[in-house]
């Protein structure tokens, strides 16, 4: 049986401001870094992680750097685990997007909202196809007894839970959004009839909550974990493949 863990990144500056991040190179806050450290400690205590795969965006790279303080596994980066690209809507608040552009809202537009594509961005359906492609590739190459940790974003985590459970977008959305450093746990079994997946955790953090701090500095603190960060981040911390 293969175990796949999906972890959402730690809190970022734009999480605090309620902004749509998409592919923006937003840094973790101090609270987000502490969330990631606690997540790493909790995961190391509960699982024997063999492999770490992460989205290549800045916030997942920084989260991965903190995790590696306790998970001594060399990560690989895969852009298929990126958040949805919001294109020209990136940086707007959630209210500005869904009140000013209800055509992208599942609540207001239903299935049409999942099909709508922001200028220079991705539709929710396009994002799901990308994430499912990453999931299927990971499952196909994973060893039967392997434990793989994927460091990703709220969107891919939500979309994969819905896909595995056979839920429509509206039903899955009604069940809530994963918290920062929320963890989902999937058990993958291969049989003569194909692959079956059981969900054991669906996005709640494994660690104790981290106290809220008023930490919205724009640059983050890359030097705080410099020795580890060198293993996972490019020099300036900006996403290496962002368009």
Protein backbone atom coordinates (compact mmCIF):
# COMPACT_ATOMS: atom_id res chain seq x y z
CA UNK A 1 0.00 0.00 0.00
CA UNK A 2 1.30 3.44 -0.96
CA UNK A 3 0.68 6.38 1.36
CA UNK A 4 0.44 9.83 -0.21
CA UNK A 5 0.31 12.89 2.04
CA UNK A 6 -0.76 16.27 0.67
CA UNK A 7 0.27 19.28 2.74
CA UNK A 8 -0.85 22.84 2.13
CA UNK A 9 1.88 25.47 2.49
CA UNK A 10 2.24 27.68 5.56
CA UNK A 11 0.58 31.07 5.94
CA UNK A 12 1.73 33.79 3.53
CA UNK A 13 1.50 37.57 3.51
CA UNK A 14 -1.36 37.40 1.00
CA UNK A 15 -3.18 34.75 3.02
CA UNK A 16 -3.31 37.32 5.81
CA UNK A 17 -4.65 39.95 3.42
CA UNK A 18 -7.20 37.62 1.81
CA UNK A 19 -5.72 37.99 -1.68
CA UNK A 20 -5.85 35.54 -4.57
CA UNK A 21 -2.26 34.35 -4.89
CA UNK A 22 -2.24 32.14 -7.94
CA UNK A 23 1.36 31.92 -9.10
CA UNK A 24 2.56 35.06 -7.29
CA UNK A 25 5.89 34.72 -5.40
CA UNK A 26 4.36 35.50 -2.01
CA UNK A 27 6.57 34.72 1.02
CA UNK A 28 5.63 32.93 4.20
CA UNK A 29 5.00 34.97 7.31
CA UNK A 30 6.84 34.12 10.54
CA UNK A 31 3.68 32.32 11.58
CA UNK A 32 3.72 30.36 8.32
CA UNK A 33 7.30 29.30 8.90
CA UNK A 34 6.45 28.11 12.40
CA UNK A 35 3.44 26.23 11.03
CA UNK A 36 5.74 24.48 8.56
CA UNK A 37 8.27 23.59 11.25
CA UNK A 38 5.55 22.14 13.46
CA UNK A 39 4.08 20.26 10.52
CA UNK A 40 7.50 18.76 9.78
CA UNK A 41 7.93 17.63 13.37
CA UNK A 42 4.44 16.10 13.48
CA UNK A 43 4.82 14.36 10.12
CA UNK A 44 8.24 12.95 11.05
CA UNK A 45 6.76 11.53 14.26
CA UNK A 46 3.76 9.94 12.52
CA UNK A 47 5.16 8.78 9.16
CA UNK A 48 8.33 7.40 7.62
CA UNK A 49 8.51 9.71 4.61
CA UNK A 50 10.50 8.29 1.70
CA UNK A 51 10.05 11.05 -0.84
CA UNK A 52 9.05 14.73 -0.96
CA UNK A 53 7.51 16.34 -4.05
CA UNK A 54 6.54 20.02 -4.04
CA UNK A 55 5.03 22.73 -6.17
CA UNK A 56 7.78 24.98 -7.50
CA UNK A 57 6.18 28.23 -6.32
CA UNK A 58 7.90 30.33 -3.67
CA UNK A 59 5.56 29.60 -0.76
CA UNK A 60 5.80 25.85 -1.22
CA UNK A 61 9.58 26.04 -1.61
CA UNK A 62 9.82 27.98 1.64
CA UNK A 63 7.48 25.55 3.39
CA UNK A 64 9.58 22.64 2.13
CA UNK A 65 12.74 24.30 3.43
CA UNK A 66 11.25 24.43 6.93
CA UNK A 67 10.03 20.83 6.72
CA UNK A 68 13.51 19.60 5.88
CA UNK A 69 14.68 20.57 9.34
CA UNK A 70 13.08 17.30 10.50
CA UNK A 71 12.46 15.43 7.23
CA UNK A 72 15.88 14.69 5.81
CA UNK A 73 14.69 13.88 2.29
CA UNK A 74 15.88 15.66 -0.85
CA UNK A 75 12.81 17.20 -2.54
CA UNK A 76 11.86 17.32 -6.19
CA UNK A 77 9.68 20.07 -7.68
CA UNK A 78 6.78 19.59 -10.06
CA UNK A 79 4.80 22.51 -11.52
CA UNK A 80 1.72 20.31 -11.88
CA UNK A 81 1.17 20.81 -8.14
CA UNK A 82 0.97 24.61 -8.47
CA UNK A 83 -2.05 26.59 -7.37
CA UNK A 84 -4.56 27.69 -10.00
CA UNK A 85 -3.33 30.61 -12.08
CA UNK A 86 -5.72 33.52 -11.62
CA UNK A 87 -4.09 35.54 -14.40
CA UNK A 88 -5.10 39.20 -14.33
CA UNK A 89 -7.18 38.61 -11.18
CA UNK A 90 -4.09 37.68 -9.18
CA UNK A 91 -3.57 39.99 -6.21
CA UNK A 92 -7.22 40.99 -5.87
CA UNK A 93 -9.02 40.11 -2.65
CA UNK A 94 -11.45 37.21 -2.58
CA UNK A 95 -14.33 39.69 -2.30
CA UNK A 96 -13.08 41.76 -5.24
CA UNK A 97 -12.88 38.65 -7.43
CA UNK A 98 -16.15 36.94 -6.63
CA UNK A 99 -18.30 40.03 -6.04
CA UNK A 100 -16.87 41.96 -8.97
CA UNK A 101 -16.60 38.91 -11.25
CA UNK A 102 -19.42 36.51 -10.27
CA UNK A 103 -18.88 34.53 -13.46
CA UNK A 104 -15.96 32.82 -11.68
CA UNK A 105 -18.00 31.95 -8.58
CA UNK A 106 -19.28 28.39 -8.11
CA UNK A 107 -21.94 29.79 -5.79
CA UNK A 108 -23.33 32.15 -8.42
CA UNK A 109 -22.46 30.45 -11.71
CA UNK A 110 -22.30 26.75 -10.83
CA UNK A 111 -20.56 24.57 -13.42
CA UNK A 112 -20.08 27.59 -15.70
CA UNK A 113 -17.96 29.14 -12.94
CA UNK A 114 -15.64 26.12 -13.04
CA UNK A 115 -15.32 26.47 -16.81
CA UNK A 116 -14.68 30.24 -16.83
CA UNK A 117 -11.07 31.24 -17.51
CA UNK A 118 -9.65 34.54 -16.18
CA UNK A 119 -7.59 36.53 -18.71
CA UNK A 120 -4.11 34.94 -18.85
CA UNK A 121 -5.18 32.39 -16.22
CA UNK A 122 -6.66 28.91 -15.84
CA UNK A 123 -10.19 27.65 -15.34
CA UNK A 124 -10.90 25.46 -12.34
CA UNK A 125 -11.42 22.52 -14.70
CA UNK A 126 -8.05 23.14 -16.39
CA UNK A 127 -6.40 23.23 -12.97
CA UNK A 128 -8.04 19.96 -11.98
CA UNK A 129 -6.77 18.27 -15.14
CA UNK A 130 -3.23 19.44 -14.39
CA UNK A 131 -3.38 18.29 -10.77
CA UNK A 132 -4.90 14.92 -11.66
CA UNK A 133 -2.14 14.44 -14.22
CA UNK A 134 0.43 15.02 -11.47
CA UNK A 135 -1.43 12.67 -9.13
CA UNK A 136 -1.68 9.85 -11.67
CA UNK A 137 2.00 10.15 -12.56
CA UNK A 138 2.97 10.06 -8.89
CA UNK A 139 0.80 7.01 -8.15
CA UNK A 140 2.10 5.18 -11.23
CA UNK A 141 5.74 5.57 -10.22
CA UNK A 142 5.35 5.10 -6.45
CA UNK A 143 6.52 1.87 -4.85
CA UNK A 144 3.84 -0.25 -3.13
CA UNK A 145 5.20 0.45 0.36
CA UNK A 146 6.34 4.04 -0.22
CA UNK A 147 5.23 7.14 1.68
CA UNK A 148 5.28 10.30 -0.44
CA UNK A 149 4.73 13.83 0.89
CA UNK A 150 3.45 16.41 -1.61
CA UNK A 151 3.76 20.07 -0.56
CA UNK A 152 1.12 21.97 -2.48
CA UNK A 153 -1.69 24.53 -2.20
CA UNK A 154 -5.30 24.74 -1.07
CA UNK A 155 -6.68 24.51 -4.61
CA UNK A 156 -4.92 21.28 -5.64
CA UNK A 157 -5.69 19.71 -2.27
CA UNK A 158 -9.38 20.58 -2.58
CA UNK A 159 -9.51 19.45 -6.21
CA UNK A 160 -7.81 16.12 -5.55
CA UNK A 161 -10.07 15.32 -2.59
CA UNK A 162 -13.09 16.00 -4.82
CA UNK A 163 -11.65 13.88 -7.64
CA UNK A 164 -10.86 10.88 -5.43
CA UNK A 165 -14.28 11.04 -3.76
CA UNK A 166 -16.15 11.53 -7.01
CA UNK A 167 -17.64 14.83 -5.81
CA UNK A 168 -18.73 17.78 -7.90
CA UNK A 169 -17.11 21.13 -7.21
CA UNK A 170 -20.04 22.59 -5.28
CA UNK A 171 -20.29 19.61 -2.91
CA UNK A 172 -16.57 19.59 -2.25
CA UNK A 173 -16.50 23.35 -1.66
CA UNK A 174 -19.32 23.07 0.89
CA UNK A 175 -17.13 20.78 3.01
CA UNK A 176 -14.65 23.59 3.59
CA UNK A 177 -11.19 24.73 2.50
CA UNK A 178 -7.94 23.21 3.86
CA UNK A 179 -6.14 25.33 6.45
CA UNK A 180 -2.53 26.41 6.08
CA UNK A 181 -0.38 23.30 6.68
CA UNK A 182 -3.55 21.22 6.58
CA UNK A 183 -2.77 17.59 5.76
CA UNK A 184 -4.67 15.08 3.64
CA UNK A 185 -3.80 11.39 3.75
CA UNK A 186 -4.45 8.97 0.90
CA UNK A 187 -3.92 5.21 0.95
CA UNK A 188 -3.46 3.77 -2.53
CA UNK A 189 -3.99 0.06 -3.15
CA UNK A 190 -3.38 -1.76 -6.42
CA UNK A 191 -5.54 -4.77 -7.21
CA UNK A 192 -6.37 -6.83 -10.27
CA UNK A 193 -9.36 -4.55 -10.76
CA UNK A 194 -7.28 -1.36 -10.72
CA UNK A 195 -6.37 1.27 -8.14
CA UNK A 196 -8.44 2.11 -5.07
CA UNK A 197 -7.87 5.17 -2.90
CA UNK A 198 -8.99 5.66 0.70
CA UNK A 199 -8.95 9.12 2.32
CA UNK A 200 -8.00 9.06 6.02
CA UNK A 201 -7.41 12.77 6.64
CA UNK A 202 -8.94 15.57 4.59
CA UNK A 203 -7.05 18.75 5.32
CA UNK A 204 -6.86 19.49 9.04
CA UNK A 205 -3.38 20.26 10.47
CA UNK A 206 -1.59 17.44 12.26
CA UNK A 207 0.13 19.85 14.66
CA UNK A 208 -1.02 22.20 17.41
CA UNK A 209 -2.21 25.67 16.28
CA UNK A 210 0.34 28.46 15.97
CA UNK A 211 -0.45 31.76 17.68
CA UNK A 212 -1.43 34.57 15.33
CA UNK A 213 1.18 37.29 14.89
CA UNK A 214 0.92 40.62 13.09
CA UNK A 215 3.62 39.67 10.64
CA UNK A 216 2.98 41.06 7.17
CA UNK A 217 6.46 42.12 6.15
CA UNK A 218 6.76 42.01 2.36
CA UNK A 219 10.07 40.23 2.01
CA UNK A 220 9.79 37.27 4.38
CA UNK A 221 12.81 36.00 6.30
CA UNK A 222 14.70 33.78 3.88
CA UNK A 223 17.87 33.97 5.96
CA UNK A 224 16.19 32.41 9.00
CA UNK A 225 16.78 28.91 7.65
CA UNK A 226 19.53 29.67 5.18
CA UNK A 227 21.38 26.36 5.45
CA UNK A 228 18.29 24.36 4.57
CA UNK A 229 16.77 26.88 2.16
CA UNK A 230 19.81 26.64 -0.12
CA UNK A 231 18.70 23.10 -0.90
CA UNK A 232 15.30 24.10 -2.24
CA UNK A 233 15.17 27.76 -3.26
CA UNK A 234 16.79 29.83 -5.97
CA UNK A 235 18.88 32.79 -4.86
CA UNK A 236 16.21 35.48 -4.56
CA UNK A 237 13.34 33.18 -3.69
CA UNK A 238 11.31 34.21 -6.74
CA UNK A 239 9.47 31.44 -8.54
CA UNK A 240 11.88 30.09 -11.17
CA UNK A 241 9.26 29.35 -13.82
CA UNK A 242 6.55 31.94 -13.25
CA UNK A 243 5.17 33.49 -16.39
